Structures are given as C-alpha cells and as structure tokens.
C-alpha cells in the first residue's frame, strides 16, 4: 500500500519530501479519503504496538507488555488485525 510506505518515510527538508508532505496533508483533509486514511493510520499504530509488545517480551518485561496489550485491546484499536493477532498469540498474559 503506497500510503503505508509514504507514511513510513522520514521527512527532512528536501523539496520533494516537503511536497509529498503537502500532498499527504491534502489527502487527509479530502472527505472521500479521510475515513480510509484514518483507518490505515489506526492499523499502522496497532502494528507498531504489537512490535513493541514483542520487543518487551523479548526483553522479559511482562509489565510493559501487558500495558501495551491493554492499549491494543482498547476500543480505538481493538478491531485491527494486529489486535486480533495479539489476542490469539498472547491470551495467556
């Protein structure tokens, strides 16, 4: 998904990246695109949280992992594929 790749880019002050940033901001304001882009943003946020959970468990920090899992299971993110995967993968925590 192109939006996912563009959003993952680190923007600096190059003219091209500033232009891409302007286009992204305009797309986020477009009433037709706004709901889908917001949904993708939530999916990406949940995926990042799932990665953080896995890192916390590898570091043997169960307390942090549990807090992150609660956040993943929240009303905001609970419907994402990453949250569903976390529910299946970490039901014993």
N, C-alpha and C. Protein backbone atom coordinates (compact mmCIF):
# COMPACT_ATOMS: atom_id res chain seq x y z
N UNK A 1 0.85 -1.18 0.00
CA UNK A 1 0.00 0.00 0.00
C UNK A 1 0.89 1.24 0.00
N UNK A 2 0.70 2.09 -0.96
CA UNK A 2 1.56 3.26 -1.14
C UNK A 2 1.51 4.21 0.05
N UNK A 3 0.32 4.42 0.59
CA UNK A 3 0.19 5.33 1.73
C UNK A 3 1.03 4.84 2.91
N UNK A 4 1.03 3.54 3.12
CA UNK A 4 1.81 2.95 4.21
C UNK A 4 3.30 3.25 4.02
N UNK A 5 3.80 3.07 2.80
CA UNK A 5 5.22 3.31 2.53
C UNK A 5 5.58 4.79 2.65
N UNK A 6 4.71 5.65 2.14
CA UNK A 6 4.97 7.09 2.22
C UNK A 6 4.97 7.54 3.67
N UNK A 7 4.02 7.04 4.44
CA UNK A 7 3.92 7.44 5.83
C UNK A 7 5.12 6.98 6.65
N UNK A 8 5.73 5.88 6.25
CA UNK A 8 6.88 5.35 6.97
C UNK A 8 8.17 6.12 6.68
N UNK A 9 8.14 6.96 5.65
CA UNK A 9 9.33 7.73 5.30
C UNK A 9 9.64 8.76 6.37
N UNK A 10 10.92 8.98 6.58
CA UNK A 10 11.35 10.05 7.47
C UNK A 10 11.50 11.30 6.62
N UNK A 11 10.71 12.30 6.91
CA UNK A 11 10.75 13.52 6.11
C UNK A 11 11.80 14.47 6.66
N UNK A 12 12.61 14.99 5.76
CA UNK A 12 13.54 16.04 6.15
C UNK A 12 13.16 17.29 5.37
N UNK A 13 14.07 18.13 5.09
CA UNK A 13 13.73 19.41 4.46
C UNK A 13 13.96 19.43 2.95
N UNK A 14 14.05 18.29 2.30
CA UNK A 14 14.25 18.32 0.86
C UNK A 14 12.95 18.77 0.19
N UNK A 15 13.05 19.42 -0.94
CA UNK A 15 11.85 19.94 -1.62
C UNK A 15 10.86 18.84 -1.99
N UNK A 16 11.34 17.71 -2.42
CA UNK A 16 10.44 16.62 -2.80
C UNK A 16 9.67 16.11 -1.60
N UNK A 17 10.35 15.93 -0.48
CA UNK A 17 9.68 15.43 0.71
C UNK A 17 8.70 16.44 1.28
N UNK A 18 9.00 17.72 1.16
CA UNK A 18 8.03 18.75 1.59
C UNK A 18 6.79 18.69 0.71
N UNK A 19 6.98 18.46 -0.58
CA UNK A 19 5.84 18.36 -1.49
C UNK A 19 5.00 17.13 -1.19
N UNK A 20 5.64 16.02 -0.90
CA UNK A 20 4.91 14.80 -0.52
C UNK A 20 4.12 15.05 0.76
N UNK A 21 4.72 15.74 1.71
CA UNK A 21 4.01 16.08 2.94
C UNK A 21 2.78 16.92 2.68
N UNK A 22 2.89 17.88 1.77
CA UNK A 22 1.73 18.71 1.41
C UNK A 22 0.63 17.86 0.80
N UNK A 23 1.01 16.94 -0.06
CA UNK A 23 0.02 16.07 -0.71
C UNK A 23 -0.66 15.18 0.33
N UNK A 24 0.10 14.65 1.27
CA UNK A 24 -0.49 13.81 2.32
C UNK A 24 -1.46 14.61 3.18
N UNK A 25 -1.07 15.83 3.54
CA UNK A 25 -1.98 16.66 4.35
C UNK A 25 -3.27 16.96 3.59
N UNK A 26 -3.15 17.22 2.29
CA UNK A 26 -4.34 17.49 1.48
C UNK A 26 -5.21 16.23 1.39
N UNK A 27 -4.58 15.08 1.24
CA UNK A 27 -5.34 13.82 1.14
C UNK A 27 -6.08 13.55 2.44
N UNK A 28 -5.44 13.86 3.57
CA UNK A 28 -6.10 13.63 4.86
C UNK A 28 -7.29 14.54 5.07
N UNK A 29 -7.31 15.68 4.39
CA UNK A 29 -8.45 16.60 4.51
C UNK A 29 -9.56 16.28 3.52
N UNK A 30 -9.28 15.48 2.50
CA UNK A 30 -10.27 15.13 1.49
C UNK A 30 -11.35 14.26 2.12
N UNK A 31 -12.61 14.69 2.05
CA UNK A 31 -13.69 13.92 2.71
C UNK A 31 -13.83 12.49 2.20
N UNK A 32 -13.46 12.25 0.95
CA UNK A 32 -13.57 10.89 0.40
C UNK A 32 -12.44 9.99 0.90
N UNK A 33 -11.28 10.55 1.13
CA UNK A 33 -10.12 9.76 1.55
C UNK A 33 -9.92 9.71 3.06
N UNK A 34 -10.43 10.70 3.75
CA UNK A 34 -10.17 10.84 5.18
C UNK A 34 -10.51 9.58 5.99
N UNK A 35 -11.69 8.96 5.81
CA UNK A 35 -12.00 7.77 6.62
C UNK A 35 -11.04 6.61 6.37
N UNK A 36 -10.70 6.38 5.12
CA UNK A 36 -9.80 5.25 4.80
C UNK A 36 -8.39 5.51 5.33
N UNK A 37 -7.91 6.74 5.19
CA UNK A 37 -6.57 7.05 5.69
C UNK A 37 -6.52 6.99 7.21
N UNK A 38 -7.60 7.39 7.86
CA UNK A 38 -7.66 7.29 9.33
C UNK A 38 -7.64 5.82 9.75
N UNK A 39 -8.33 4.98 9.00
CA UNK A 39 -8.35 3.54 9.29
C UNK A 39 -6.94 2.95 9.12
N UNK A 40 -6.25 3.35 8.06
CA UNK A 40 -4.89 2.86 7.83
C UNK A 40 -3.97 3.33 8.95
N UNK A 41 -4.14 4.58 9.39
CA UNK A 41 -3.33 5.09 10.49
C UNK A 41 -3.51 4.26 11.76
N UNK A 42 -4.76 3.87 12.04
CA UNK A 42 -5.02 3.02 13.21
C UNK A 42 -4.38 1.64 13.06
N UNK A 43 -4.46 1.09 11.86
CA UNK A 43 -3.86 -0.22 11.61
C UNK A 43 -2.35 -0.15 11.82
N UNK A 44 -1.73 0.92 11.31
CA UNK A 44 -0.29 1.07 11.47
C UNK A 44 0.09 1.29 12.94
N UNK A 45 -0.72 2.05 13.66
CA UNK A 45 -0.47 2.26 15.09
C UNK A 45 -0.53 0.93 15.84
N UNK A 46 -1.53 0.12 15.50
CA UNK A 46 -1.68 -1.18 16.16
C UNK A 46 -0.51 -2.10 15.83
N UNK A 47 -0.06 -2.07 14.59
CA UNK A 47 1.09 -2.90 14.21
C UNK A 47 2.34 -2.48 14.97
N UNK A 48 2.52 -1.18 15.13
CA UNK A 48 3.66 -0.68 15.91
C UNK A 48 3.58 -1.14 17.36
N UNK A 49 2.38 -1.09 17.92
CA UNK A 49 2.19 -1.55 19.30
C UNK A 49 2.49 -3.04 19.44
N UNK A 50 2.06 -3.82 18.46
CA UNK A 50 2.32 -5.26 18.50
C UNK A 50 3.82 -5.52 18.46
N UNK A 51 4.55 -4.78 17.65
CA UNK A 51 6.01 -4.91 17.62
C UNK A 51 6.61 -4.54 18.97
N UNK A 52 6.06 -3.51 19.61
CA UNK A 52 6.54 -3.11 20.93
C UNK A 52 6.27 -4.19 21.98
N UNK A 53 5.11 -4.84 21.87
CA UNK A 53 4.77 -5.93 22.78
C UNK A 53 5.80 -7.05 22.63
N UNK A 54 6.09 -7.40 21.38
CA UNK A 54 7.05 -8.48 21.13
C UNK A 54 8.43 -8.11 21.66
N UNK A 55 8.83 -6.86 21.48
CA UNK A 55 10.13 -6.41 21.98
C UNK A 55 10.17 -6.44 23.51
N UNK A 56 9.07 -6.03 24.14
CA UNK A 56 9.00 -6.05 25.61
C UNK A 56 9.09 -7.48 26.13
N UNK A 57 8.44 -8.40 25.46
CA UNK A 57 8.50 -9.79 25.90
C UNK A 57 9.90 -10.39 25.69
N UNK A 58 10.56 -10.00 24.62
CA UNK A 58 11.92 -10.48 24.40
C UNK A 58 12.86 -9.93 25.46
N UNK A 59 12.56 -8.71 25.94
CA UNK A 59 13.37 -8.10 27.00
C UNK A 59 12.91 -8.57 28.38
N UNK A 60 11.97 -9.51 28.40
CA UNK A 60 11.44 -10.07 29.64
C UNK A 60 10.79 -9.01 30.54
N UNK A 61 10.09 -8.08 29.91
CA UNK A 61 9.39 -7.02 30.62
C UNK A 61 7.88 -7.26 30.47
N UNK A 62 7.36 -8.19 31.25
CA UNK A 62 5.95 -8.56 31.13
C UNK A 62 5.00 -7.43 31.51
N UNK A 63 5.39 -6.60 32.46
CA UNK A 63 4.53 -5.49 32.87
C UNK A 63 4.28 -4.53 31.71
N UNK A 64 5.33 -4.17 31.02
CA UNK A 64 5.19 -3.29 29.87
C UNK A 64 4.37 -3.97 28.78
N UNK A 65 4.65 -5.24 28.55
CA UNK A 65 3.92 -5.98 27.52
C UNK A 65 2.42 -6.01 27.83
N UNK A 66 2.07 -6.21 29.09
CA UNK A 66 0.65 -6.22 29.47
C UNK A 66 0.00 -4.87 29.25
N UNK A 67 0.71 -3.79 29.60
CA UNK A 67 0.15 -2.44 29.37
C UNK A 67 -0.08 -2.18 27.88
N UNK A 68 0.89 -2.59 27.07
CA UNK A 68 0.75 -2.40 25.63
C UNK A 68 -0.38 -3.26 25.06
N UNK A 69 -0.53 -4.47 25.59
CA UNK A 69 -1.63 -5.32 25.13
C UNK A 69 -2.98 -4.73 25.50
N UNK A 70 -3.07 -4.12 26.69
CA UNK A 70 -4.34 -3.46 27.06
C UNK A 70 -4.64 -2.32 26.10
N UNK A 71 -3.61 -1.58 25.74
CA UNK A 71 -3.81 -0.48 24.78
C UNK A 71 -4.24 -1.03 23.43
N UNK A 72 -3.65 -2.15 23.02
CA UNK A 72 -4.03 -2.78 21.76
C UNK A 72 -5.47 -3.27 21.79
N UNK A 73 -5.93 -3.70 22.94
CA UNK A 73 -7.29 -4.22 23.07
C UNK A 73 -8.31 -3.11 23.30
N UNK A 74 -7.87 -1.87 23.31
CA UNK A 74 -8.78 -0.75 23.58
C UNK A 74 -9.85 -0.62 22.50
N UNK A 75 -10.83 0.18 22.80
CA UNK A 75 -11.93 0.42 21.86
C UNK A 75 -11.39 1.00 20.55
N UNK A 76 -10.39 1.84 20.66
CA UNK A 76 -9.83 2.51 19.49
C UNK A 76 -9.13 1.53 18.54
N UNK A 77 -8.37 0.58 19.09
CA UNK A 77 -7.54 -0.31 18.26
C UNK A 77 -8.00 -1.76 18.25
N UNK A 78 -8.97 -2.10 19.05
CA UNK A 78 -9.38 -3.49 19.23
C UNK A 78 -9.89 -4.19 17.99
N UNK A 79 -10.28 -3.45 16.97
CA UNK A 79 -10.83 -4.05 15.76
C UNK A 79 -9.78 -4.28 14.67
N UNK A 80 -8.53 -3.92 14.93
CA UNK A 80 -7.49 -4.03 13.91
C UNK A 80 -6.96 -5.46 13.82
N UNK A 81 -6.41 -5.81 12.67
CA UNK A 81 -5.84 -7.15 12.52
C UNK A 81 -4.73 -7.44 13.54
N UNK A 82 -3.92 -6.45 13.87
CA UNK A 82 -2.85 -6.64 14.85
C UNK A 82 -3.42 -6.95 16.22
N UNK A 83 -4.52 -6.31 16.59
CA UNK A 83 -5.16 -6.58 17.88
C UNK A 83 -5.72 -7.99 17.92
N UNK A 84 -6.32 -8.42 16.82
CA UNK A 84 -6.84 -9.79 16.76
C UNK A 84 -5.71 -10.80 16.88
N UNK A 85 -4.61 -10.53 16.22
CA UNK A 85 -3.45 -11.42 16.30
C UNK A 85 -2.90 -11.46 17.72
N UNK A 86 -2.84 -10.31 18.36
CA UNK A 86 -2.34 -10.25 19.74
C UNK A 86 -3.25 -11.03 20.68
N UNK A 87 -4.56 -10.95 20.47
CA UNK A 87 -5.49 -11.70 21.32
C UNK A 87 -5.24 -13.20 21.21
N UNK A 88 -4.99 -13.66 19.98
CA UNK A 88 -4.74 -15.08 19.79
C UNK A 88 -3.36 -15.49 20.33
N UNK A 89 -2.36 -14.66 20.03
CA UNK A 89 -0.98 -15.01 20.35
C UNK A 89 -0.67 -14.89 21.84
N UNK A 90 -1.29 -13.92 22.51
CA UNK A 90 -0.92 -13.64 23.90
C UNK A 90 -2.09 -13.77 24.86
N UNK A 91 -2.95 -14.74 24.64
CA UNK A 91 -4.11 -14.90 25.52
C UNK A 91 -3.73 -15.35 26.93
N UNK A 92 -2.51 -15.86 27.09
CA UNK A 92 -2.09 -16.31 28.42
C UNK A 92 -1.55 -15.18 29.30
N UNK A 93 -1.38 -13.97 28.74
CA UNK A 93 -0.86 -12.84 29.54
C UNK A 93 -1.96 -12.12 30.21
